[in-house]
Amino acid sequence: MEKPNNLSLRLITGGILGIAVISAIFWVPSKVFLVLLSIVLLGAAWEWSRLSSLQTRVARIVYVISLLVLMYLISFVPIAWVMSL
């Protein structure tokens, strides 16, 4: 059997993740979805910190924690204020 190439693996992964995200949007309670999305975003921030030349683990941890604090603080901003921008 032939080994699948990188593109087909990415398409399969994207399809599975797309179905999972759409399912989560429609069937998971809002607070749970918010926590799941935050975990994904913090994981992406961890990977991005490596790409943005943060060399030490401490610098990467500080970067991710600062984004976590920022996400927490943004949760207190009234939605009406955001929509009026």
Protein backbone atom coordinates (compact mmCIF):
# COMPACT_ATOMS: atom_id res chain seq x y z
CA MET A 1 0.00 0.00 0.00
CA GLU A 2 1.28 3.44 -0.93
CA LYS A 3 2.10 5.93 1.80
CA PRO A 4 -0.18 9.05 1.63
CA ASN A 5 1.57 12.27 0.70
CA ASN A 6 1.70 15.37 2.87
CA LEU A 7 -1.09 17.20 1.02
CA SER A 8 -3.61 14.39 1.41
CA LEU A 9 -2.80 14.11 5.13
CA ARG A 10 -3.37 17.86 5.53
CA LEU A 11 -6.68 17.66 3.66
CA ILE A 12 -7.89 14.76 5.80
CA THR A 13 -6.82 16.54 8.99
CA GLY A 14 -8.48 19.77 7.85
CA GLY A 15 -11.71 17.94 7.08
CA ILE A 16 -11.79 16.22 10.46
CA LEU A 17 -10.96 19.43 12.33
CA GLY A 18 -13.52 21.38 10.28
CA ILE A 19 -16.27 18.92 11.21
CA ALA A 20 -15.17 19.05 14.86
CA VAL A 21 -15.20 22.87 14.96
CA ILE A 22 -18.58 23.17 13.26
CA SER A 23 -20.01 20.57 15.62
CA ALA A 24 -18.59 22.41 18.62
CA ILE A 25 -20.03 25.73 17.43
CA PHE A 26 -23.55 24.35 17.17
CA TRP A 27 -23.75 21.76 19.98
CA VAL A 28 -21.37 22.77 22.75
CA PRO A 29 -22.46 25.33 25.37
CA SER A 30 -20.93 28.78 24.94
CA LYS A 31 -18.75 28.68 28.06
CA VAL A 32 -17.30 25.28 27.12
CA PHE A 33 -16.64 26.48 23.57
CA LEU A 34 -14.89 29.56 24.96
CA VAL A 35 -12.58 27.37 27.08
CA LEU A 36 -11.84 25.04 24.15
CA LEU A 37 -11.11 27.96 21.84
CA SER A 38 -8.85 29.55 24.46
CA ILE A 39 -6.86 26.33 24.80
CA VAL A 40 -6.41 26.14 21.03
CA LEU A 41 -5.36 29.81 20.83
CA LEU A 42 -2.85 29.43 23.67
CA GLY A 43 -1.40 26.35 21.97
CA ALA A 44 -1.08 28.32 18.76
CA ALA A 45 0.59 31.14 20.70
CA TRP A 46 3.10 28.66 22.08
CA GLU A 47 3.99 27.52 18.56
CA TRP A 48 4.05 31.09 17.27
CA SER A 49 6.46 32.10 20.02
CA ARG A 50 8.95 29.60 18.63
CA LEU A 51 8.55 31.02 15.12
CA SER A 52 8.96 34.59 16.37
CA SER A 53 12.47 33.90 17.68
CA LEU A 54 11.75 33.71 21.39
CA GLN A 55 14.70 31.53 22.28
CA THR A 56 14.26 30.63 25.94
CA ARG A 57 11.44 28.64 27.42
CA VAL A 58 10.92 31.36 30.05
CA ALA A 59 10.33 33.98 27.33
CA ARG A 60 7.84 31.70 25.61
CA ILE A 61 5.99 31.02 28.87
CA VAL A 62 5.83 34.75 29.65
CA TYR A 63 4.44 35.38 26.16
CA VAL A 64 1.70 32.75 26.52
CA ILE A 65 0.78 33.83 30.06
CA SER A 66 0.57 37.47 28.96
CA LEU A 67 -1.87 36.43 26.21
CA LEU A 68 -3.88 34.45 28.76
CA VAL A 69 -4.12 37.51 31.02
CA LEU A 70 -5.08 39.68 28.05
CA MET A 71 -7.84 37.24 27.03
CA TYR A 72 -9.13 37.25 30.61
CA LEU A 73 -9.19 41.05 30.75
CA ILE A 74 -10.90 41.33 27.36
CA SER A 75 -13.70 39.11 28.65
CA PHE A 76 -14.82 42.02 30.86
CA VAL A 77 -15.22 44.47 27.95
CA PRO A 78 -18.93 45.06 27.27
CA ILE A 79 -19.99 43.70 23.88
CA ALA A 80 -21.98 46.88 23.17
CA TRP A 81 -18.75 48.90 23.40
CA VAL A 82 -17.01 46.56 20.96
CA MET A 83 -19.89 46.66 18.49
CA SER A 84 -19.91 50.47 18.51
CA LEU A 85 -16.33 50.70 17.23
